[in-house]
Protein backbone atom coordinates (compact mmCIF):
# COMPACT_ATOMS: atom_id res chain seq x y z
CA MET A 1 -0.23 -0.05 0.04
CA PRO A 2 1.47 3.25 -1.06
CA LEU A 3 2.64 5.65 1.62
CA LEU A 4 0.75 8.35 0.46
CA PHE A 5 -2.39 6.57 1.20
CA TYR A 6 -1.50 6.58 4.94
CA LEU A 7 -0.32 10.14 4.84
CA VAL A 8 -3.71 11.53 3.10
CA LEU A 9 -5.87 9.28 5.68
CA THR A 10 -3.83 10.73 8.79
CA ALA A 11 -3.90 14.15 7.62
CA LEU A 12 -7.60 14.01 7.15
CA PHE A 13 -8.12 12.34 10.24
CA GLY A 14 -6.04 14.62 12.15
CA LEU A 15 -7.42 17.74 11.03
CA GLN A 16 -10.84 16.54 11.99
CA VAL A 17 -9.91 16.04 15.54
CA ILE A 18 -8.03 19.41 15.67
CA VAL A 19 -11.18 21.23 14.59
CA TRP A 20 -13.26 19.19 17.31
CA TRP A 21 -10.76 19.96 19.87
CA LEU A 22 -10.97 23.77 19.40
CA VAL A 23 -14.39 23.95 18.95
CA PHE A 24 -15.56 21.85 22.03
CA PHE A 25 -12.70 21.87 24.33
CA LYS A 26 -10.84 25.01 23.94
CA THR A 27 -13.69 27.50 22.98
CA PRO A 28 -15.49 28.96 26.07
CA ALA A 29 -19.04 27.80 26.41
CA GLY A 30 -20.40 31.51 25.91
CA GLY A 31 -17.81 32.61 23.43
CA MET A 32 -19.49 31.13 20.34
CA SER A 33 -22.94 31.19 19.25
CA ILE A 34 -24.52 27.75 18.68
CA SER A 35 -25.30 28.27 15.22
CA ARG A 36 -21.75 29.37 14.45
CA ARG A 37 -20.47 26.12 16.45
CA ALA A 38 -22.75 23.93 14.46
CA LEU A 39 -21.58 25.61 11.27
CA ILE A 40 -17.79 24.85 12.09
CA VAL A 41 -18.61 21.34 13.16
CA LEU A 42 -20.42 20.70 9.91
CA ILE A 43 -17.38 21.10 7.91
CA PRO A 44 -15.32 17.93 9.33
CA VAL A 45 -18.40 16.08 9.64
CA VAL A 46 -19.33 16.54 5.77
CA VAL A 47 -16.05 17.14 4.10
CA LEU A 48 -13.57 15.22 5.97
CA ASN A 49 -15.66 12.31 6.94
CA GLY A 50 -16.64 12.04 3.20
CA SER A 51 -13.26 12.15 2.11
CA ILE A 52 -12.39 9.34 4.51
CA LEU A 53 -15.27 7.26 3.89
CA TRP A 54 -14.41 7.40 -0.05
CA ILE A 55 -10.88 6.42 0.61
CA LEU A 56 -12.04 3.55 2.77
CA PHE A 57 -15.01 2.11 0.86
CA ARG A 58 -14.69 3.09 -2.90
CA SER A 59 -11.06 3.27 -3.58
CA PRO A 60 -9.67 0.04 -5.31
CA SER A 61 -6.38 0.48 -3.41
CA ILE A 62 -8.21 -0.56 -0.10
CA PHE A 63 -8.12 -4.00 -1.59
CA ALA A 64 -4.31 -4.26 -0.84
CA LEU A 65 -4.57 -3.06 3.02
CA ASP A 66 -2.40 -5.03 5.08
CA LEU A 67 -3.88 -6.73 8.16
CA TRP A 68 -2.34 -4.23 10.57
CA ALA A 69 -3.91 -1.43 8.48
CA ARG A 70 -7.45 -3.11 8.85
CA LYS A 71 -6.71 -3.28 12.57
CA TRP A 72 -5.44 0.04 13.37
CA VAL A 73 -6.60 2.15 10.65
CA VAL A 74 -9.84 1.23 9.04
CA PHE A 75 -11.57 -0.14 12.55
CA PRO A 76 -10.67 3.07 14.58
CA VAL A 77 -11.72 5.35 11.88
CA SER A 78 -14.91 3.84 11.29
CA ILE A 79 -15.77 3.84 15.01
CA TYR A 80 -14.78 7.32 15.17
CA PHE A 81 -17.20 8.21 12.38
CA TRP A 82 -19.94 6.22 14.20
CA SER A 83 -19.46 7.96 17.16
CA ILE A 84 -19.15 11.47 15.89
CA LEU A 85 -22.41 10.61 13.78
CA THR A 86 -24.14 9.67 16.93
CA THR A 87 -22.78 12.69 18.82
CA GLY A 88 -24.16 15.07 16.04
CA LEU A 89 -27.56 13.45 15.70
CA THR A 90 -27.82 13.33 19.51
CA LEU A 91 -27.17 16.93 19.99
CA ALA A 92 -29.37 18.03 16.89
CA ALA A 93 -32.25 16.39 18.54
CA TRP A 94 -31.37 17.76 21.80
CA SER A 95 -31.18 21.22 20.43
CA VAL A 96 -34.65 20.88 18.49
CA VAL A 97 -36.15 19.79 21.81
CA GLY A 98 -34.67 22.57 23.85
CA ILE A 99 -35.95 25.32 21.49
CA ILE A 100 -39.29 23.88 21.29
CA TYR A 101 -39.35 23.66 25.38
CA CYS A 102 -37.67 27.35 25.72
CA LEU A 103 -39.59 29.12 23.16
CA PRO A 104 -42.94 30.03 25.30
CA LYS A 105 -40.42 31.12 28.00
CA ARG A 106 -38.35 33.05 25.61
CA ILE A 107 -41.17 34.93 24.34
CA ARG A 108 -42.15 36.08 27.79
CA THR A 109 -38.68 37.17 29.02
CA SER A 110 -36.25 40.20 28.37
CA ARG A 111 -33.53 40.53 26.17
CA ALA A 112 -31.06 40.10 29.35
CA GLU A 113 -32.66 37.00 30.41
CA ARG A 114 -32.88 35.55 27.07
CA GLN A 115 -29.10 36.04 26.84
CA ALA A 116 -28.62 34.45 30.02
CA MET A 117 -30.75 31.33 29.01
CA ASP A 118 -28.40 31.09 25.65
CA HIS A 119 -25.49 31.03 27.64
CA SER A 120 -26.60 28.49 30.10
CA ARG A 121 -27.98 26.36 27.05
CA ARG A 122 -24.79 26.66 25.27
CA GLU A 123 -22.88 25.50 28.61
CA VAL A 124 -25.20 22.52 28.87
CA LEU A 125 -24.57 21.40 24.99
CA SER A 126 -20.89 21.93 25.24
CA GLN A 127 -20.89 19.74 28.30
CA GLY A 128 -23.34 17.34 26.69
CA ALA A 129 -21.22 17.28 23.58
CA ARG A 130 -18.05 15.80 25.42
CA ALA A 131 -20.37 13.18 27.45
CA ILE A 132 -22.13 12.03 24.40
CA PHE A 133 -19.07 11.57 22.36
CA GLY A 134 -16.98 9.95 25.14
CA LEU A 135 -20.09 7.37 25.68
CA SER A 136 -20.40 6.86 21.95
CA LEU A 137 -16.75 6.04 21.57
CA THR A 138 -16.97 3.67 24.61
CA VAL A 139 -19.99 1.85 23.50
CA ALA A 140 -18.58 1.62 19.56
CA GLY A 141 -15.18 0.30 20.80
CA TYR A 142 -16.66 -2.43 22.95
CA SER A 143 -19.51 -3.34 20.22
CA ALA A 144 -16.73 -3.48 17.69
CA TYR A 145 -14.58 -5.73 19.87
CA GLN A 146 -17.59 -7.92 20.46
CA ALA A 147 -18.50 -7.96 16.52
CA ARG A 148 -15.20 -9.47 15.70
CA THR A 149 -14.60 -11.81 18.70
CA ASP A 150 -17.99 -13.38 19.75
CA ILE A 151 -19.71 -15.60 17.18
CA GLU A 152 -22.97 -16.98 18.48
CA VAL A 153 -23.89 -20.63 17.56
CA THR A 154 -27.83 -20.86 17.53
CA ARG A 155 -29.48 -24.29 17.45
CA VAL A 156 -32.93 -25.07 16.08
CA ASP A 157 -34.39 -28.31 15.94
CA ILE A 158 -36.59 -29.05 12.94
CA PRO A 159 -39.40 -31.45 13.37
CA CYS A 160 -39.60 -33.91 10.35
CA GLY A 161 -42.68 -35.54 11.12
CA PRO A 162 -43.56 -39.24 9.87
CA ALA A 163 -43.67 -38.03 6.27
CA HIS A 164 -39.90 -37.06 6.31
CA SER A 165 -38.51 -39.51 8.87
CA ARG A 166 -35.51 -40.31 6.70
CA LEU A 167 -34.26 -36.76 7.26
CA ALA A 168 -33.90 -37.42 10.79
CA GLY A 169 -30.32 -36.82 12.04
CA LEU A 170 -29.36 -34.14 8.97
CA SER A 171 -27.99 -31.14 10.07
CA LEU A 172 -27.51 -27.83 8.21
CA VAL A 173 -25.70 -24.85 8.98
CA GLN A 174 -26.45 -21.27 7.79
CA LEU A 175 -24.13 -18.30 7.47
CA SER A 176 -25.32 -14.95 6.10
CA ASP A 177 -24.27 -11.48 5.33
CA LEU A 178 -20.24 -11.95 5.30
CA HIS A 179 -19.96 -8.68 3.70
CA LEU A 180 -16.17 -9.18 2.66
CA GLY A 181 -14.77 -5.45 2.29
CA SER A 182 -13.18 -2.85 3.87
CA LEU A 183 -14.54 -4.00 7.53
CA VAL A 184 -14.68 -7.64 7.03
CA GLY A 185 -11.38 -9.29 6.19
CA PRO A 186 -10.45 -13.11 5.02
CA ASN A 187 -9.29 -13.82 8.53
CA ASP A 188 -12.89 -12.76 9.82
CA VAL A 189 -14.57 -15.04 7.29
CA PHE A 190 -12.16 -18.03 8.04
CA HIS A 191 -13.18 -17.86 11.69
CA ALA A 192 -16.79 -17.88 10.70
CA LEU A 193 -16.26 -20.67 8.34
CA GLU A 194 -14.07 -22.73 10.88
CA THR A 195 -16.86 -22.10 13.33
CA ALA A 196 -19.46 -23.39 11.09
CA LEU A 197 -17.50 -26.46 9.94
CA ALA A 198 -16.66 -27.51 13.42
CA LEU A 199 -20.27 -28.30 13.80
CA LYS A 200 -20.00 -31.05 11.14
CA PRO A 201 -22.79 -30.13 9.05
CA ASP A 202 -24.35 -32.04 6.13
CA ILE A 203 -25.35 -28.92 4.28
CA LEU A 204 -23.74 -25.71 4.48
CA VAL A 205 -25.44 -22.53 3.25
CA ILE A 206 -24.79 -18.63 2.93
CA THR A 207 -27.96 -16.61 2.39
CA GLY A 208 -26.34 -13.66 0.52
CA ASP A 209 -24.13 -10.61 0.81
CA VAL A 210 -20.87 -12.65 0.13
CA VAL A 211 -18.99 -9.32 -0.53
CA ASN A 212 -19.82 -5.69 0.51
CA HIS A 213 -18.81 -3.54 -2.46
CA ARG A 214 -16.19 -5.25 -4.46
CA PRO A 215 -16.05 -8.85 -5.93
CA ASP A 216 -12.10 -8.88 -5.66
CA PHE A 217 -12.48 -9.39 -1.75
CA ILE A 218 -13.43 -12.92 -2.51
CA LYS A 219 -10.13 -13.70 -3.98
CA PRO A 220 -7.99 -14.31 -0.77
CA CYS A 221 -10.93 -16.65 0.35
CA ILE A 222 -10.88 -19.01 -2.69
CA PRO A 223 -8.25 -21.31 -1.64
CA PHE A 224 -10.13 -22.02 1.68
CA LEU A 225 -13.38 -22.34 -0.17
CA LYS A 226 -11.81 -24.95 -2.68
CA GLU A 227 -10.98 -27.17 0.12
CA LEU A 228 -14.57 -27.03 1.76
CA LYS A 229 -15.44 -30.53 2.76
CA VAL A 230 -19.40 -30.67 3.44
CA PRO A 231 -21.12 -34.12 2.73
CA LEU A 232 -24.13 -32.62 0.86
CA GLY A 233 -22.65 -29.76 -0.42
CA ALA A 234 -22.07 -26.01 0.19
CA TYR A 235 -24.83 -23.36 -1.47
CA ALA A 236 -25.13 -19.70 -1.58
CA VAL A 237 -27.54 -17.19 -2.79
CA MET A 238 -27.06 -13.60 -4.03
CA GLY A 239 -27.84 -10.74 -1.93
CA ASN A 240 -28.25 -6.92 -2.58
CA HIS A 241 -24.62 -6.09 -2.06
CA ASP A 242 -23.57 -8.86 -4.50
CA PHE A 243 -25.52 -7.24 -7.03
CA TYR A 244 -24.04 -3.75 -6.08
CA ALA A 245 -20.61 -5.45 -6.43
CA GLY A 246 -21.33 -6.92 -9.80
CA VAL A 247 -23.16 -10.13 -9.36
CA GLU A 248 -21.66 -11.98 -12.53
CA GLU A 249 -18.20 -11.46 -11.33
CA VAL A 250 -19.16 -12.55 -7.86
CA CYS A 251 -20.62 -15.87 -9.29
CA ARG A 252 -17.52 -16.36 -11.72
CA LEU A 253 -15.29 -16.33 -8.63
CA LEU A 254 -17.36 -18.63 -6.45
CA ALA A 255 -17.63 -20.92 -9.46
CA ASP A 256 -13.91 -22.00 -8.95
CA THR A 257 -14.81 -23.17 -5.45
CA ARG A 258 -16.83 -25.78 -3.91
CA VAL A 259 -19.79 -23.38 -3.16
CA THR A 260 -22.75 -23.70 -5.56
CA VAL A 261 -24.59 -20.53 -6.29
CA LEU A 262 -28.30 -21.21 -6.66
CA ARG A 263 -29.75 -18.10 -8.88
CA ASN A 264 -33.51 -18.91 -9.38
CA ARG A 265 -33.00 -22.73 -9.44
CA LYS A 266 -33.35 -25.81 -7.17
CA VAL A 267 -31.30 -28.94 -6.26
CA THR A 268 -31.63 -32.32 -5.00
CA PHE A 269 -29.27 -34.32 -2.63
CA PRO A 270 -27.64 -37.71 -3.39
CA GLY A 271 -29.51 -40.22 -1.39
CA PHE A 272 -32.43 -38.00 -0.48
CA GLU A 273 -33.63 -37.23 -4.12
CA GLU A 274 -37.40 -37.75 -3.16
CA GLN A 275 -37.04 -36.60 0.41
CA LEU A 276 -35.42 -33.10 0.21
CA GLU A 277 -34.75 -30.40 -2.17
CA MET A 278 -33.49 -26.74 -1.81
CA MET A 279 -34.32 -23.68 -3.76
CA GLY A 280 -32.25 -20.50 -4.16
CA VAL A 281 -33.61 -17.20 -5.32
CA ASP A 282 -31.78 -13.91 -6.30
CA ASP A 283 -32.38 -10.75 -4.30
CA PRO A 284 -34.90 -8.01 -5.69
CA VAL A 285 -31.94 -5.87 -5.29
CA PHE A 286 -33.81 -2.63 -4.57
CA GLY A 287 -36.04 -1.39 -1.87
CA TRP A 288 -33.79 -2.54 1.16
CA ALA A 289 -36.38 -1.64 3.66
CA GLU A 290 -39.13 -1.93 1.69
CA ASN A 291 -42.01 -4.68 2.75
CA ILE A 292 -42.03 -6.22 -0.65
CA ARG A 293 -45.31 -7.65 -1.23
CA ASN A 294 -44.72 -9.83 -4.08
CA PHE A 295 -41.52 -11.55 -5.54
CA GLY A 296 -43.46 -12.35 -8.53
CA TRP A 297 -40.33 -13.27 -10.62
CA ALA A 298 -39.57 -16.14 -7.99
CA SER A 299 -43.28 -17.55 -8.21
CA GLY A 300 -42.37 -19.95 -11.13
CA LEU A 301 -39.58 -21.66 -9.29
CA LEU A 302 -41.51 -21.85 -5.98
CA GLN A 303 -44.35 -23.68 -7.95
CA GLN A 304 -42.15 -26.41 -8.93
CA LYS A 305 -42.22 -27.74 -5.31
CA ARG A 306 -42.90 -31.36 -5.25
CA PRO A 307 -45.89 -32.70 -2.93
CA GLY A 308 -44.38 -34.80 -0.19
CA VAL A 309 -40.82 -33.48 -0.76
CA TYR A 310 -39.36 -31.40 2.23
CA THR A 311 -38.27 -28.02 0.52
CA ILE A 312 -35.61 -25.52 1.77
CA LEU A 313 -35.77 -21.93 0.45
CA LEU A 314 -32.88 -19.94 0.44
CA SER A 315 -33.68 -16.04 -0.17
CA HIS A 316 -31.48 -13.12 1.09
CA ARG A 317 -34.61 -11.18 2.32
CA GLY A 318 -37.04 -12.89 4.55
CA LYS A 319 -40.19 -10.95 3.24
CA ILE A 320 -40.43 -13.74 0.70
CA PHE A 321 -41.66 -15.90 3.43
CA ASP A 322 -45.26 -14.95 3.05
CA LEU A 323 -44.93 -16.22 -0.52
CA ALA A 324 -43.16 -19.14 0.18
CA VAL A 325 -46.07 -20.32 2.81
CA SER A 326 -48.66 -19.88 0.01
CA HIS A 327 -46.54 -22.47 -2.11
CA GLY A 328 -46.02 -24.86 0.90
CA ILE A 329 -42.39 -24.45 1.36
CA GLU A 330 -41.48 -25.94 4.68
CA LEU A 331 -38.14 -23.95 5.80
CA THR A 332 -37.10 -20.56 4.55
CA LEU A 333 -33.59 -19.38 5.17
CA SER A 334 -32.57 -15.64 4.90
CA GLY A 335 -30.56 -12.79 6.42
CA HIS A 336 -30.21 -9.23 5.20
CA THR A 337 -31.24 -7.36 8.23
CA HIS A 338 -28.18 -7.81 10.55
CA ALA A 339 -30.87 -7.36 13.08
CA GLY A 340 -30.09 -3.62 12.82
CA GLN A 341 -26.69 -4.25 14.39
CA ALA A 342 -28.35 -3.31 17.74
CA VAL A 343 -30.95 -5.14 19.84
CA LEU A 344 -32.62 -3.96 22.91
CA PRO A 345 -32.55 -6.67 25.71
CA GLY A 346 -35.53 -8.37 26.50
CA ASN A 347 -37.17 -9.04 22.91
CA LYS A 348 -35.38 -9.96 19.67
CA GLU A 349 -37.93 -7.67 17.56
CA TRP A 350 -36.63 -4.79 19.73
CA ASN A 351 -33.97 -3.92 17.02
CA LEU A 352 -33.24 -0.94 14.54
CA SER A 353 -34.31 -2.99 11.58
CA SER A 354 -37.82 -3.60 13.10
CA LEU A 355 -38.56 -0.09 12.24
CA ALA A 356 -39.03 -0.82 8.59
CA LEU A 357 -39.02 -4.71 8.32
CA LYS A 358 -41.57 -7.39 9.09
CA TYR A 359 -39.15 -10.26 9.47
CA THR A 360 -35.77 -9.15 11.19
CA ASN A 361 -34.08 -11.64 13.75
CA GLY A 362 -34.72 -15.33 14.57
CA ILE A 363 -37.50 -17.90 14.05
CA TYR A 364 -40.94 -17.06 12.85
CA ARG A 365 -43.54 -19.57 12.27
CA GLN A 366 -46.70 -19.58 9.90
CA ASP A 367 -49.34 -22.11 9.17
CA GLY A 368 -46.78 -24.72 10.24
CA ARG A 369 -44.06 -23.28 7.96
CA LEU A 370 -40.74 -21.85 9.34
CA LEU A 371 -38.71 -19.03 8.48
CA TYR A 372 -35.23 -18.24 10.11
CA VAL A 373 -33.60 -14.95 9.64
CA ASN A 374 -29.83 -14.98 10.31
CA ARG A 375 -28.19 -11.69 12.05
CA GLY A 376 -25.07 -12.45 9.84
CA ILE A 377 -21.35 -12.32 10.38
CA GLY A 378 -20.25 -8.73 8.88
CA PHE A 379 -21.75 -5.30 9.16
CA ILE A 380 -22.30 -2.06 7.09
CA VAL A 381 -21.49 1.67 7.87
CA ALA A 382 -19.40 0.78 11.18
CA PRO A 383 -17.99 -2.45 12.80
CA VAL A 384 -20.64 -2.04 15.47
CA ARG A 385 -22.94 -4.67 17.03
CA ILE A 386 -24.66 -3.88 19.98
CA ASN A 387 -26.35 -6.93 21.81
CA CYS A 388 -26.42 -8.47 18.49
CA PRO A 389 -23.15 -10.89 18.09
CA PRO A 390 -22.47 -12.52 14.62
CA GLU A 391 -24.38 -15.72 14.26
CA VAL A 392 -23.77 -19.03 13.04
CA THR A 393 -27.22 -21.22 13.02
CA ARG A 394 -27.26 -24.81 13.22
CA PHE A 395 -30.46 -26.83 12.06
CA ILE A 396 -30.90 -30.39 13.49
CA PHE A 397 -33.65 -32.43 11.72
CA CYS A 398 -35.38 -34.51 14.08
């Protein structure tokens, strides 16, 4: 990696730190109006962070980053960006609420009293900015550490019933949303695959978003994927990020491995031809947060379900579940949501993605059919997962 890359990145990041330090730590609370302070802060947020993010996520040279650079450059900058964004949004909301709350009082007070109120509010905002930024940085740092070290293995038992008793004992392991790219390197994927293979699955599946924004990131993983040994095979479907990156190139690279990509087609398994089949559909690509009502282009495939044969459907988005149920698909596996990368304690549905999506995290049942939404391995925007560790799901037919 050229030295110039690190010099430019360091200069942009350093300049931003200096601006923040001067504005929030060296300027007296009453020495600058709130609007002027906000305007000055807007410069590093928009211009400097925009430049940094372009370098980290769009520049082709990011592919050549060394492991130490990912650990000590990409991650800290991403965490910092997440923290500064959280601080800015919180302060903006705080300011709006404060203005609304104080407006009636300002109308009834004198000019001198209003100046005193403004001085007091600036003092509170200045102290609050420091506290919020420190808290955001701490939470983001811990969450980033958890996201890279803790993979949760979830076991789900799948009742076969008398009609599918031959499937009893089979195991399937699901990975999802690897997001190979600037924030998720080959070592992270190796760790996830090793965790999955240690469970000795009969079938291994990846439910989309193998890469984040460039197909090239698969290349370091190809030797490992060529050596995959799974009795009934490893399969993948394409997610929206695979399409953003260039789905044809992603599929071309995976064709040189032992991972079979299912693009709107189905497969059967040796020894279980009349008992088990698997279908895989492409992602609709657009409308990430849209509750898509109709995967019409997938209906033709779903209609090929054979009566009496247990069918597994792989779809990056869980919204297809309603359509799958109408076609009698027994088990649908998906990902896509990352469970919002933040889940409140007490209920798996209390997560950020549930604000826009119906199926977001874990298992769902409808008319005797099952959907499982995997939280994924990687992340987007920032390497942060709050109470939402990366997941490997193990399904046991019983």
